[in-house]
N, C-alpha and C. Protein backbone atom coordinates (compact mmCIF):
# COMPACT_ATOMS: atom_id res chain seq x y z
N MET A 1 5.38 -2.58 -10.11
CA MET A 1 6.26 -3.54 -10.75
C MET A 1 5.41 -4.71 -11.26
N ALA A 2 5.71 -5.94 -10.83
CA ALA A 2 4.98 -7.09 -11.37
C ALA A 2 4.21 -7.81 -10.27
N ASN A 3 3.12 -8.47 -10.68
CA ASN A 3 2.32 -9.30 -9.77
C ASN A 3 2.69 -10.76 -10.05
N ILE A 4 3.28 -11.44 -9.06
CA ILE A 4 3.88 -12.75 -9.26
C ILE A 4 3.21 -13.80 -8.38
N LEU A 5 2.91 -14.95 -8.96
CA LEU A 5 2.36 -16.08 -8.21
C LEU A 5 3.48 -17.09 -7.97
N ILE A 6 3.69 -17.44 -6.70
CA ILE A 6 4.69 -18.43 -6.31
C ILE A 6 3.96 -19.72 -5.97
N VAL A 7 4.32 -20.80 -6.63
CA VAL A 7 3.68 -22.08 -6.40
C VAL A 7 4.73 -23.06 -5.89
N ASP A 8 4.69 -23.36 -4.60
CA ASP A 8 5.67 -24.27 -3.99
C ASP A 8 5.05 -24.85 -2.73
N ASP A 9 5.13 -26.18 -2.56
CA ASP A 9 4.50 -26.81 -1.41
C ASP A 9 5.32 -26.65 -0.12
N GLU A 10 6.55 -26.14 -0.22
CA GLU A 10 7.35 -25.87 0.97
C GLU A 10 7.19 -24.41 1.34
N LYS A 11 6.43 -24.15 2.42
CA LYS A 11 6.09 -22.78 2.78
C LYS A 11 7.33 -21.93 3.06
N ALA A 12 8.34 -22.53 3.68
CA ALA A 12 9.54 -21.76 4.00
C ALA A 12 10.21 -21.24 2.73
N ILE A 13 10.24 -22.06 1.69
CA ILE A 13 10.84 -21.64 0.42
C ILE A 13 9.97 -20.58 -0.24
N ALA A 14 8.66 -20.78 -0.23
CA ALA A 14 7.74 -19.79 -0.82
C ALA A 14 7.88 -18.45 -0.11
N ASP A 15 8.00 -18.47 1.22
CA ASP A 15 8.15 -17.24 2.00
C ASP A 15 9.46 -16.54 1.66
N LEU A 16 10.54 -17.31 1.49
CA LEU A 16 11.83 -16.72 1.16
C LEU A 16 11.80 -16.08 -0.23
N ILE A 17 11.16 -16.75 -1.18
CA ILE A 17 11.04 -16.19 -2.54
C ILE A 17 10.22 -14.91 -2.50
N GLU A 18 9.12 -14.94 -1.74
CA GLU A 18 8.27 -13.74 -1.65
C GLU A 18 9.04 -12.58 -1.04
N LEU A 19 9.80 -12.83 0.03
CA LEU A 19 10.60 -11.77 0.66
C LEU A 19 11.62 -11.21 -0.30
N THR A 20 12.28 -12.08 -1.05
CA THR A 20 13.30 -11.66 -2.01
C THR A 20 12.71 -10.74 -3.08
N LEU A 21 11.57 -11.13 -3.63
CA LEU A 21 10.97 -10.34 -4.72
C LEU A 21 10.30 -9.08 -4.21
N ALA A 22 9.74 -9.14 -2.99
CA ALA A 22 9.10 -7.95 -2.43
C ALA A 22 10.11 -6.85 -2.16
N GLN A 23 11.35 -7.23 -1.83
CA GLN A 23 12.39 -6.24 -1.55
C GLN A 23 12.73 -5.39 -2.78
N VAL A 24 12.46 -5.90 -3.96
CA VAL A 24 12.74 -5.12 -5.17
C VAL A 24 11.45 -4.57 -5.79
N GLY A 25 10.36 -4.60 -5.02
CA GLY A 25 9.15 -3.91 -5.43
C GLY A 25 8.05 -4.73 -6.04
N HIS A 26 8.20 -6.06 -6.14
CA HIS A 26 7.17 -6.88 -6.75
C HIS A 26 6.11 -7.30 -5.72
N THR A 27 4.90 -7.51 -6.20
CA THR A 27 3.80 -8.01 -5.37
C THR A 27 3.67 -9.52 -5.59
N CYS A 28 3.57 -10.27 -4.50
CA CYS A 28 3.57 -11.73 -4.62
C CYS A 28 2.38 -12.35 -3.88
N GLU A 29 1.91 -13.46 -4.44
CA GLU A 29 0.97 -14.34 -3.76
C GLU A 29 1.56 -15.75 -3.80
N ALA A 30 1.12 -16.59 -2.86
CA ALA A 30 1.65 -17.95 -2.81
C ALA A 30 0.53 -18.97 -2.85
N ALA A 31 0.81 -20.09 -3.49
CA ALA A 31 -0.08 -21.27 -3.48
C ALA A 31 0.80 -22.47 -3.14
N TYR A 32 0.25 -23.39 -2.33
CA TYR A 32 1.06 -24.47 -1.79
C TYR A 32 0.69 -25.84 -2.37
N SER A 33 -0.14 -25.84 -3.39
CA SER A 33 -0.47 -27.08 -4.10
C SER A 33 -0.89 -26.72 -5.52
N GLY A 34 -0.89 -27.73 -6.39
CA GLY A 34 -1.32 -27.48 -7.76
C GLY A 34 -2.78 -27.07 -7.84
N ASP A 35 -3.62 -27.68 -6.99
CA ASP A 35 -5.05 -27.34 -7.00
C ASP A 35 -5.29 -25.90 -6.55
N GLU A 36 -4.59 -25.49 -5.49
CA GLU A 36 -4.74 -24.10 -5.02
C GLU A 36 -4.26 -23.12 -6.08
N ALA A 37 -3.17 -23.47 -6.75
CA ALA A 37 -2.66 -22.60 -7.81
C ALA A 37 -3.65 -22.50 -8.96
N ALA A 38 -4.28 -23.62 -9.34
CA ALA A 38 -5.27 -23.60 -10.41
C ALA A 38 -6.43 -22.68 -10.07
N ASP A 39 -6.88 -22.72 -8.80
CA ASP A 39 -7.97 -21.83 -8.37
C ASP A 39 -7.56 -20.38 -8.49
N LYS A 40 -6.35 -20.05 -8.05
CA LYS A 40 -5.89 -18.66 -8.11
C LYS A 40 -5.75 -18.19 -9.56
N LEU A 41 -5.29 -19.08 -10.42
CA LEU A 41 -5.10 -18.71 -11.82
C LEU A 41 -6.43 -18.47 -12.53
N GLU A 42 -7.49 -19.15 -12.09
CA GLU A 42 -8.81 -18.94 -12.69
C GLU A 42 -9.39 -17.59 -12.28
N LYS A 43 -9.02 -17.11 -11.09
CA LYS A 43 -9.64 -15.90 -10.55
C LYS A 43 -8.78 -14.65 -10.74
N GLY A 44 -7.46 -14.81 -10.78
CA GLY A 44 -6.59 -13.64 -10.79
C GLY A 44 -5.76 -13.52 -12.04
N ARG A 45 -5.06 -12.39 -12.15
CA ARG A 45 -4.16 -12.12 -13.26
C ARG A 45 -2.77 -11.93 -12.71
N TYR A 46 -1.81 -12.62 -13.31
CA TYR A 46 -0.43 -12.56 -12.85
C TYR A 46 0.50 -12.26 -14.03
N ASP A 47 1.57 -11.52 -13.72
CA ASP A 47 2.56 -11.20 -14.75
C ASP A 47 3.59 -12.31 -14.90
N LEU A 48 3.74 -13.15 -13.87
CA LEU A 48 4.72 -14.22 -13.89
C LEU A 48 4.32 -15.27 -12.86
N VAL A 49 4.56 -16.53 -13.20
CA VAL A 49 4.34 -17.64 -12.25
C VAL A 49 5.67 -18.35 -12.04
N LEU A 50 6.06 -18.48 -10.76
CA LEU A 50 7.23 -19.26 -10.37
C LEU A 50 6.72 -20.60 -9.88
N LEU A 51 7.03 -21.65 -10.58
CA LEU A 51 6.30 -22.92 -10.45
C LEU A 51 7.22 -24.08 -10.10
N ASP A 52 6.95 -24.71 -8.95
CA ASP A 52 7.65 -25.95 -8.60
C ASP A 52 7.06 -27.09 -9.43
N VAL A 53 7.85 -28.10 -9.70
CA VAL A 53 7.36 -29.23 -10.48
C VAL A 53 6.64 -30.24 -9.59
N MET A 54 7.27 -30.59 -8.46
CA MET A 54 6.72 -31.62 -7.57
C MET A 54 5.77 -30.99 -6.57
N LEU A 55 4.46 -31.11 -6.85
CA LEU A 55 3.43 -30.50 -6.02
C LEU A 55 2.39 -31.54 -5.62
N PRO A 56 1.72 -31.34 -4.47
CA PRO A 56 0.59 -32.20 -4.13
C PRO A 56 -0.55 -31.99 -5.14
N GLY A 57 -1.20 -33.06 -5.53
CA GLY A 57 -2.30 -32.94 -6.48
C GLY A 57 -1.78 -32.74 -7.89
N ILE A 58 -2.19 -31.65 -8.51
CA ILE A 58 -1.75 -31.34 -9.88
C ILE A 58 -0.27 -30.99 -9.87
N SER A 59 0.53 -31.63 -10.72
CA SER A 59 1.96 -31.33 -10.78
C SER A 59 2.20 -30.02 -11.53
N GLY A 60 3.43 -29.52 -11.40
CA GLY A 60 3.77 -28.30 -12.11
C GLY A 60 3.67 -28.46 -13.61
N PHE A 61 4.10 -29.61 -14.12
CA PHE A 61 3.99 -29.85 -15.56
C PHE A 61 2.53 -29.85 -16.00
N GLU A 62 1.65 -30.49 -15.21
CA GLU A 62 0.22 -30.53 -15.56
C GLU A 62 -0.42 -29.15 -15.46
N LEU A 63 0.08 -28.34 -14.54
CA LEU A 63 -0.48 -27.00 -14.34
C LEU A 63 -0.25 -26.10 -15.55
N MET A 64 0.70 -26.43 -16.37
CA MET A 64 0.97 -25.63 -17.56
C MET A 64 -0.24 -25.54 -18.47
N GLU A 65 -1.15 -26.52 -18.40
CA GLU A 65 -2.36 -26.48 -19.22
C GLU A 65 -3.25 -25.30 -18.84
N TYR A 66 -3.23 -24.92 -17.55
CA TYR A 66 -4.02 -23.76 -17.10
C TYR A 66 -3.37 -22.46 -17.53
N LEU A 67 -2.06 -22.48 -17.69
CA LEU A 67 -1.33 -21.26 -17.96
C LEU A 67 -1.23 -20.93 -19.44
N GLU A 68 -1.20 -21.94 -20.26
CA GLU A 68 -0.98 -21.73 -21.70
C GLU A 68 -2.01 -20.81 -22.36
N PRO A 69 -3.33 -20.97 -22.10
CA PRO A 69 -4.31 -20.10 -22.77
C PRO A 69 -4.13 -18.62 -22.45
N ALA A 70 -3.71 -18.33 -21.21
CA ALA A 70 -3.55 -16.93 -20.80
C ALA A 70 -2.23 -16.34 -21.27
N GLY A 71 -1.29 -17.18 -21.66
CA GLY A 71 0.00 -16.70 -22.09
C GLY A 71 0.86 -16.15 -20.97
N THR A 72 0.57 -16.57 -19.73
CA THR A 72 1.33 -16.07 -18.58
C THR A 72 2.74 -16.66 -18.58
N PRO A 73 3.77 -15.84 -18.47
CA PRO A 73 5.14 -16.36 -18.42
C PRO A 73 5.35 -17.26 -17.20
N VAL A 74 6.15 -18.30 -17.37
CA VAL A 74 6.39 -19.28 -16.31
C VAL A 74 7.88 -19.55 -16.17
N ILE A 75 8.36 -19.58 -14.93
CA ILE A 75 9.70 -20.07 -14.63
C ILE A 75 9.55 -21.26 -13.69
N PHE A 76 10.08 -22.40 -14.07
CA PHE A 76 10.08 -23.55 -13.17
C PHE A 76 11.20 -23.38 -12.13
N LEU A 77 10.85 -23.58 -10.86
CA LEU A 77 11.82 -23.59 -9.77
C LEU A 77 11.73 -24.98 -9.14
N THR A 78 12.76 -25.78 -9.30
CA THR A 78 12.60 -27.16 -8.88
C THR A 78 13.95 -27.82 -8.59
N ALA A 79 13.89 -28.85 -7.77
CA ALA A 79 15.08 -29.67 -7.50
C ALA A 79 15.31 -30.69 -8.60
N LYS A 80 14.32 -30.86 -9.50
CA LYS A 80 14.44 -31.81 -10.61
C LYS A 80 15.28 -31.17 -11.71
N GLY A 81 16.60 -31.43 -11.64
CA GLY A 81 17.50 -30.71 -12.53
C GLY A 81 18.08 -31.53 -13.65
N THR A 82 17.52 -32.69 -13.94
CA THR A 82 18.06 -33.50 -15.02
C THR A 82 17.78 -32.83 -16.36
N LEU A 83 18.57 -33.19 -17.36
CA LEU A 83 18.37 -32.63 -18.69
C LEU A 83 16.98 -32.94 -19.21
N ALA A 84 16.49 -34.16 -18.97
CA ALA A 84 15.16 -34.54 -19.46
C ALA A 84 14.08 -33.66 -18.84
N ASP A 85 14.20 -33.36 -17.54
CA ASP A 85 13.21 -32.50 -16.87
C ASP A 85 13.25 -31.08 -17.43
N ARG A 86 14.46 -30.56 -17.64
CA ARG A 86 14.58 -29.20 -18.17
C ARG A 86 14.00 -29.11 -19.57
N VAL A 87 14.32 -30.08 -20.38
CA VAL A 87 13.80 -30.09 -21.75
C VAL A 87 12.28 -30.19 -21.74
N ARG A 88 11.73 -31.05 -20.88
CA ARG A 88 10.28 -31.19 -20.82
C ARG A 88 9.61 -29.88 -20.41
N GLY A 89 10.17 -29.23 -19.38
CA GLY A 89 9.58 -27.97 -18.93
C GLY A 89 9.60 -26.91 -20.00
N LEU A 90 10.72 -26.78 -20.70
CA LEU A 90 10.82 -25.77 -21.76
C LEU A 90 9.93 -26.11 -22.95
N ARG A 91 9.80 -27.38 -23.27
CA ARG A 91 8.92 -27.77 -24.38
C ARG A 91 7.45 -27.53 -24.05
N LEU A 92 7.10 -27.57 -22.75
CA LEU A 92 5.72 -27.29 -22.35
C LEU A 92 5.40 -25.80 -22.40
N GLY A 93 6.42 -24.98 -22.62
CA GLY A 93 6.17 -23.54 -22.77
C GLY A 93 6.76 -22.67 -21.69
N ALA A 94 7.54 -23.24 -20.76
CA ALA A 94 8.15 -22.43 -19.71
C ALA A 94 9.17 -21.47 -20.33
N ASP A 95 9.32 -20.31 -19.71
CA ASP A 95 10.26 -19.30 -20.21
C ASP A 95 11.66 -19.49 -19.65
N ASP A 96 11.77 -20.18 -18.52
CA ASP A 96 13.07 -20.43 -17.92
C ASP A 96 12.93 -21.59 -16.94
N TYR A 97 14.06 -22.11 -16.49
CA TYR A 97 14.06 -23.29 -15.62
C TYR A 97 15.22 -23.12 -14.65
N ILE A 98 14.92 -22.87 -13.37
CA ILE A 98 15.96 -22.63 -12.37
C ILE A 98 15.98 -23.80 -11.40
N VAL A 99 17.16 -24.38 -11.20
CA VAL A 99 17.30 -25.54 -10.33
C VAL A 99 17.63 -25.09 -8.90
N LYS A 100 16.91 -25.65 -7.92
CA LYS A 100 17.19 -25.38 -6.52
C LYS A 100 18.44 -26.15 -6.10
N PRO A 101 19.23 -25.59 -5.16
CA PRO A 101 19.09 -24.26 -4.56
C PRO A 101 19.64 -23.18 -5.50
N PHE A 102 19.15 -21.95 -5.33
CA PHE A 102 19.60 -20.85 -6.18
C PHE A 102 19.83 -19.62 -5.30
N GLU A 103 20.64 -18.70 -5.80
CA GLU A 103 20.92 -17.45 -5.09
C GLU A 103 19.79 -16.46 -5.32
N PRO A 104 19.43 -15.65 -4.30
CA PRO A 104 18.36 -14.65 -4.47
C PRO A 104 18.57 -13.73 -5.67
N MET A 105 19.82 -13.25 -5.88
CA MET A 105 20.05 -12.33 -6.98
C MET A 105 19.88 -13.03 -8.33
N GLU A 106 20.18 -14.32 -8.39
CA GLU A 106 19.95 -15.06 -9.63
C GLU A 106 18.46 -15.11 -9.94
N LEU A 107 17.65 -15.35 -8.91
CA LEU A 107 16.20 -15.39 -9.09
C LEU A 107 15.68 -14.05 -9.58
N ILE A 108 16.10 -12.97 -8.92
CA ILE A 108 15.64 -11.63 -9.31
C ILE A 108 16.03 -11.32 -10.75
N THR A 109 17.29 -11.59 -11.08
CA THR A 109 17.79 -11.26 -12.41
C THR A 109 17.06 -12.04 -13.50
N ARG A 110 16.87 -13.32 -13.29
CA ARG A 110 16.24 -14.15 -14.32
C ARG A 110 14.74 -13.90 -14.40
N ALA A 111 14.11 -13.62 -13.25
CA ALA A 111 12.68 -13.29 -13.27
C ALA A 111 12.45 -11.99 -14.03
N GLU A 112 13.27 -10.99 -13.76
CA GLU A 112 13.08 -9.71 -14.43
C GLU A 112 13.48 -9.76 -15.90
N ALA A 113 14.39 -10.66 -16.25
CA ALA A 113 14.70 -10.85 -17.67
C ALA A 113 13.48 -11.37 -18.42
N VAL A 114 12.76 -12.31 -17.81
CA VAL A 114 11.53 -12.83 -18.43
C VAL A 114 10.46 -11.74 -18.49
N LEU A 115 10.32 -10.98 -17.41
CA LEU A 115 9.32 -9.91 -17.38
C LEU A 115 9.60 -8.85 -18.43
N ARG A 116 10.88 -8.50 -18.62
CA ARG A 116 11.24 -7.52 -19.65
C ARG A 116 10.94 -8.07 -21.04
N ARG A 117 11.34 -9.32 -21.26
CA ARG A 117 11.17 -9.93 -22.58
C ARG A 117 9.70 -10.03 -22.97
N THR A 118 8.83 -10.22 -21.98
CA THR A 118 7.40 -10.37 -22.25
C THR A 118 6.62 -9.06 -22.06
N GLY A 119 7.34 -7.97 -21.79
CA GLY A 119 6.69 -6.67 -21.67
C GLY A 119 5.82 -6.52 -20.45
N ARG A 120 6.15 -7.21 -19.36
CA ARG A 120 5.31 -7.20 -18.17
C ARG A 120 5.98 -6.55 -16.97
N LEU A 121 7.12 -5.94 -17.16
CA LEU A 121 7.80 -5.28 -16.05
C LEU A 121 7.35 -3.84 -15.99
N GLY A 122 6.40 -3.54 -15.12
CA GLY A 122 5.76 -2.23 -15.09
C GLY A 122 6.60 -1.17 -14.40
N ALA A 123 6.20 0.07 -14.58
CA ALA A 123 6.90 1.20 -13.99
C ALA A 123 6.53 1.35 -12.51
N VAL A 124 7.41 2.00 -11.77
CA VAL A 124 7.16 2.29 -10.36
C VAL A 124 7.29 3.79 -10.15
N ARG A 125 6.49 4.34 -9.25
CA ARG A 125 6.51 5.78 -8.99
C ARG A 125 7.15 6.06 -7.63
N VAL A 126 8.04 7.04 -7.62
CA VAL A 126 8.72 7.41 -6.39
C VAL A 126 9.07 8.89 -6.45
N PHE A 127 8.67 9.65 -5.43
CA PHE A 127 8.95 11.08 -5.33
C PHE A 127 8.59 11.85 -6.59
N GLY A 128 7.42 11.53 -7.16
CA GLY A 128 6.95 12.23 -8.34
C GLY A 128 7.61 11.79 -9.63
N LEU A 129 8.44 10.78 -9.58
CA LEU A 129 9.13 10.27 -10.76
C LEU A 129 8.54 8.93 -11.17
N GLU A 130 8.50 8.66 -12.48
CA GLU A 130 8.06 7.37 -13.00
C GLU A 130 9.28 6.63 -13.54
N VAL A 131 9.62 5.53 -12.87
CA VAL A 131 10.80 4.76 -13.24
C VAL A 131 10.34 3.51 -13.99
N ASP A 132 10.77 3.39 -15.23
CA ASP A 132 10.35 2.27 -16.08
C ASP A 132 11.55 1.36 -16.33
N PRO A 133 11.65 0.20 -15.62
CA PRO A 133 12.79 -0.70 -15.83
C PRO A 133 12.85 -1.27 -17.23
N ALA A 134 11.70 -1.54 -17.83
CA ALA A 134 11.69 -2.14 -19.17
C ALA A 134 12.20 -1.14 -20.22
N GLY A 135 11.68 0.08 -20.16
CA GLY A 135 12.11 1.10 -21.12
C GLY A 135 13.38 1.82 -20.73
N ARG A 136 13.84 1.56 -19.48
CA ARG A 136 15.04 2.20 -18.94
C ARG A 136 14.94 3.72 -19.02
N THR A 137 13.80 4.24 -18.54
CA THR A 137 13.59 5.69 -18.54
C THR A 137 13.12 6.14 -17.17
N VAL A 138 13.39 7.41 -16.89
CA VAL A 138 12.86 8.09 -15.71
C VAL A 138 12.15 9.35 -16.22
N LYS A 139 10.88 9.50 -15.81
CA LYS A 139 10.10 10.63 -16.28
C LYS A 139 9.56 11.43 -15.09
N ARG A 140 9.41 12.73 -15.34
CA ARG A 140 8.69 13.60 -14.41
C ARG A 140 7.63 14.34 -15.21
N ALA A 141 6.37 14.17 -14.83
CA ALA A 141 5.25 14.79 -15.53
C ALA A 141 5.28 14.44 -17.02
N GLY A 142 5.63 13.21 -17.34
CA GLY A 142 5.63 12.75 -18.72
C GLY A 142 6.88 13.08 -19.51
N GLU A 143 7.78 13.89 -18.95
CA GLU A 143 9.00 14.28 -19.66
C GLU A 143 10.16 13.38 -19.22
N VAL A 144 10.88 12.84 -20.20
CA VAL A 144 12.02 11.97 -19.90
C VAL A 144 13.19 12.81 -19.37
N ILE A 145 13.79 12.34 -18.28
CA ILE A 145 14.98 12.97 -17.73
C ILE A 145 16.19 12.19 -18.25
N PRO A 146 17.07 12.81 -19.02
CA PRO A 146 18.19 12.07 -19.61
C PRO A 146 19.15 11.56 -18.53
N LEU A 147 19.39 10.26 -18.54
CA LEU A 147 20.36 9.63 -17.64
C LEU A 147 21.28 8.74 -18.47
N THR A 148 22.53 8.65 -18.05
CA THR A 148 23.44 7.69 -18.68
C THR A 148 23.03 6.28 -18.23
N PRO A 149 23.47 5.25 -18.95
CA PRO A 149 23.15 3.87 -18.53
C PRO A 149 23.56 3.58 -17.09
N ARG A 150 24.75 4.03 -16.66
CA ARG A 150 25.21 3.80 -15.29
C ARG A 150 24.34 4.55 -14.29
N GLU A 151 23.98 5.79 -14.63
CA GLU A 151 23.13 6.57 -13.73
C GLU A 151 21.78 5.89 -13.56
N PHE A 152 21.23 5.36 -14.65
CA PHE A 152 19.94 4.68 -14.54
C PHE A 152 20.07 3.43 -13.67
N ASP A 153 21.10 2.63 -13.90
CA ASP A 153 21.30 1.41 -13.12
C ASP A 153 21.45 1.73 -11.63
N LEU A 154 22.18 2.78 -11.33
CA LEU A 154 22.39 3.18 -9.94
C LEU A 154 21.08 3.63 -9.30
N PHE A 155 20.32 4.46 -10.02
CA PHE A 155 19.06 4.94 -9.45
C PHE A 155 18.07 3.80 -9.30
N LEU A 156 18.02 2.88 -10.26
CA LEU A 156 17.11 1.74 -10.15
C LEU A 156 17.46 0.89 -8.94
N LEU A 157 18.74 0.71 -8.67
CA LEU A 157 19.17 -0.04 -7.48
C LEU A 157 18.69 0.65 -6.21
N LEU A 158 18.82 1.97 -6.15
CA LEU A 158 18.35 2.73 -4.99
C LEU A 158 16.84 2.63 -4.84
N VAL A 159 16.11 2.70 -5.97
CA VAL A 159 14.65 2.62 -5.93
C VAL A 159 14.20 1.27 -5.41
N ARG A 160 14.83 0.21 -5.89
CA ARG A 160 14.43 -1.15 -5.49
C ARG A 160 14.79 -1.47 -4.05
N ASN A 161 15.66 -0.64 -3.46
CA ASN A 161 16.06 -0.86 -2.07
C ASN A 161 15.76 0.36 -1.21
N ARG A 162 14.73 1.14 -1.59
CA ARG A 162 14.46 2.37 -0.85
C ARG A 162 14.15 2.08 0.61
N GLY A 163 14.71 2.95 1.44
CA GLY A 163 14.59 2.75 2.88
C GLY A 163 15.70 1.89 3.46
N LEU A 164 16.57 1.34 2.60
CA LEU A 164 17.67 0.49 3.06
C LEU A 164 19.00 1.15 2.72
N ALA A 165 19.91 1.16 3.68
CA ALA A 165 21.25 1.69 3.44
C ALA A 165 22.06 0.65 2.68
N LEU A 166 22.61 1.06 1.54
CA LEU A 166 23.40 0.15 0.70
C LEU A 166 24.89 0.42 0.88
N TYR A 167 25.63 -0.62 1.18
CA TYR A 167 27.08 -0.49 1.31
C TYR A 167 27.71 -0.18 -0.05
N ARG A 168 28.80 0.55 0.01
CA ARG A 168 29.49 0.93 -1.22
C ARG A 168 29.89 -0.28 -2.05
N ASP A 169 30.43 -1.32 -1.40
CA ASP A 169 30.88 -2.47 -2.17
C ASP A 169 29.72 -3.19 -2.83
N VAL A 170 28.54 -3.16 -2.19
CA VAL A 170 27.35 -3.76 -2.80
C VAL A 170 26.94 -2.96 -4.03
N ILE A 171 26.97 -1.64 -3.91
CA ILE A 171 26.59 -0.78 -5.05
C ILE A 171 27.55 -1.01 -6.22
N TYR A 172 28.85 -1.05 -5.93
CA TYR A 172 29.82 -1.29 -7.00
C TYR A 172 29.58 -2.63 -7.68
N GLU A 173 29.32 -3.66 -6.88
CA GLU A 173 29.11 -4.99 -7.45
C GLU A 173 27.88 -5.03 -8.33
N ARG A 174 26.78 -4.40 -7.87
CA ARG A 174 25.53 -4.46 -8.62
C ARG A 174 25.54 -3.58 -9.87
N VAL A 175 26.22 -2.43 -9.81
CA VAL A 175 26.14 -1.45 -10.90
C VAL A 175 27.35 -1.53 -11.84
N TRP A 176 28.55 -1.63 -11.25
CA TRP A 176 29.76 -1.60 -12.08
C TRP A 176 30.36 -2.99 -12.32
N GLY A 177 30.03 -3.93 -11.47
CA GLY A 177 30.56 -5.28 -11.65
C GLY A 177 31.97 -5.43 -11.11
N ASP A 178 32.97 -5.20 -11.94
CA ASP A 178 34.35 -5.48 -11.53
C ASP A 178 35.15 -4.22 -11.23
N ILE A 179 34.49 -3.06 -11.06
CA ILE A 179 35.23 -1.84 -10.75
C ILE A 179 35.84 -1.94 -9.36
N ALA A 180 36.98 -1.31 -9.16
CA ALA A 180 37.64 -1.37 -7.86
C ALA A 180 36.79 -0.72 -6.79
N GLU A 181 36.69 -1.39 -5.63
CA GLU A 181 35.81 -0.90 -4.57
C GLU A 181 36.33 0.39 -3.95
N ASP A 182 37.65 0.65 -4.06
CA ASP A 182 38.20 1.85 -3.44
C ASP A 182 38.11 3.07 -4.36
N ASP A 183 37.50 2.91 -5.51
CA ASP A 183 37.34 4.02 -6.44
C ASP A 183 36.10 4.82 -6.03
N THR A 184 36.18 5.47 -4.88
CA THR A 184 35.01 6.13 -4.31
C THR A 184 34.56 7.33 -5.14
N ARG A 185 35.46 7.95 -5.86
CA ARG A 185 35.11 9.15 -6.62
C ARG A 185 34.06 8.84 -7.69
N THR A 186 34.18 7.68 -8.33
CA THR A 186 33.22 7.30 -9.37
C THR A 186 31.81 7.25 -8.82
N LEU A 187 31.61 6.56 -7.72
CA LEU A 187 30.28 6.44 -7.12
C LEU A 187 29.78 7.80 -6.65
N ASP A 188 30.63 8.55 -5.94
CA ASP A 188 30.21 9.85 -5.41
C ASP A 188 29.79 10.80 -6.53
N LEU A 189 30.52 10.77 -7.64
CA LEU A 189 30.19 11.63 -8.77
C LEU A 189 28.82 11.26 -9.35
N HIS A 190 28.55 9.97 -9.51
CA HIS A 190 27.26 9.53 -10.04
C HIS A 190 26.12 9.90 -9.10
N ILE A 191 26.35 9.80 -7.80
CA ILE A 191 25.32 10.20 -6.83
C ILE A 191 25.05 11.69 -6.94
N GLN A 192 26.09 12.50 -7.04
CA GLN A 192 25.92 13.95 -7.17
C GLN A 192 25.10 14.30 -8.41
N ARG A 193 25.41 13.63 -9.51
CA ARG A 193 24.70 13.90 -10.76
C ARG A 193 23.23 13.48 -10.66
N LEU A 194 22.96 12.35 -10.02
CA LEU A 194 21.57 11.91 -9.84
C LEU A 194 20.79 12.89 -8.98
N ARG A 195 21.37 13.33 -7.90
CA ARG A 195 20.70 14.30 -7.02
C ARG A 195 20.32 15.56 -7.80
N LYS A 196 21.25 16.03 -8.63
CA LYS A 196 21.00 17.26 -9.38
C LYS A 196 19.97 17.04 -10.48
N LYS A 197 20.13 15.97 -11.28
CA LYS A 197 19.23 15.73 -12.41
C LYS A 197 17.80 15.44 -11.95
N LEU A 198 17.66 14.70 -10.86
CA LEU A 198 16.34 14.25 -10.42
C LEU A 198 15.74 15.13 -9.33
N GLY A 199 16.50 16.09 -8.85
CA GLY A 199 15.99 16.96 -7.80
C GLY A 199 15.78 16.24 -6.49
N LEU A 200 16.67 15.30 -6.19
CA LEU A 200 16.53 14.48 -4.98
C LEU A 200 17.72 14.70 -4.04
N GLN A 201 18.08 15.96 -3.84
CA GLN A 201 19.23 16.27 -3.01
C GLN A 201 19.06 15.76 -1.58
N LYS A 202 17.85 15.84 -1.05
CA LYS A 202 17.62 15.40 0.33
C LYS A 202 17.21 13.93 0.40
N GLN A 203 16.54 13.45 -0.65
CA GLN A 203 16.01 12.08 -0.60
C GLN A 203 17.08 11.01 -0.80
N ILE A 204 18.13 11.32 -1.60
CA ILE A 204 19.25 10.39 -1.73
C ILE A 204 20.27 10.76 -0.66
N ARG A 205 20.29 9.97 0.39
CA ARG A 205 21.06 10.31 1.58
C ARG A 205 22.41 9.60 1.61
N THR A 206 23.40 10.30 2.13
CA THR A 206 24.69 9.69 2.44
C THR A 206 24.58 9.06 3.83
N VAL A 207 24.94 7.79 3.94
CA VAL A 207 24.90 7.09 5.22
C VAL A 207 26.34 6.92 5.68
N TYR A 208 26.69 7.55 6.77
CA TYR A 208 28.06 7.62 7.26
C TYR A 208 28.69 6.24 7.43
N LYS A 209 29.87 6.07 6.84
CA LYS A 209 30.66 4.84 6.91
C LYS A 209 29.99 3.62 6.26
N ILE A 210 28.89 3.85 5.55
CA ILE A 210 28.22 2.73 4.87
C ILE A 210 28.13 2.99 3.37
N GLY A 211 27.34 3.97 2.96
CA GLY A 211 27.16 4.23 1.54
C GLY A 211 26.04 5.21 1.31
N TYR A 212 24.99 4.76 0.59
CA TYR A 212 23.89 5.65 0.23
C TYR A 212 22.54 4.96 0.40
N MET A 213 21.49 5.77 0.50
CA MET A 213 20.15 5.27 0.65
C MET A 213 19.16 6.23 0.04
N LEU A 214 18.16 5.70 -0.66
CA LEU A 214 17.03 6.51 -1.09
C LEU A 214 15.95 6.37 -0.03
N GLU A 215 15.51 7.49 0.50
CA GLU A 215 14.52 7.45 1.58
C GLU A 215 13.22 6.80 1.10
N ALA A 216 12.55 6.12 2.00
CA ALA A 216 11.23 5.59 1.73
C ALA A 216 10.21 6.71 1.86
N GLU A 217 9.23 6.74 0.95
CA GLU A 217 8.21 7.79 1.02
C GLU A 217 7.25 7.51 2.15
């Protein structure tokens, strides 16, 4: 998936962000000051930087000077939510501006929107399949396996949560949005079709009284 640098002087917040993004397959590193972040940016390559504004030493706004030459996408994560601060961050070249506190799913959704837009959301491999979130394709040995949009969304959700049992209502909310939770036939049918199309009859497991899970390799 993506390699993400988290820059926040509050370790508890940085740890929570890292846990949230790691659960959907991203690799994360953390820096707790502007100076530490500048050092990491000189040595490493990142697909996205999540950047607090108020940092010890170099501020988040000042750190944009290190990021601009490389063209690395940036999302500001900050408690500074005034219109002037948002405008300043976006004018400095940030791709998005999220005000704390925020919901984990909002962070994931907006981070991946930036990664898709900048072509940095890489494919992930699972059970011999190549899943490309940006291109919305699933391939085996280079051949695309035709999936409907709903089938792809459902499989991507399972891939990003492999090894975790997902409740039916969670799956409906993430994939269908406002579909009725008691419409079990719709979900079961999509699972059956995925198992058949992808050859994952055993790997996509039914979890009794909960929902479904894609086994961890």
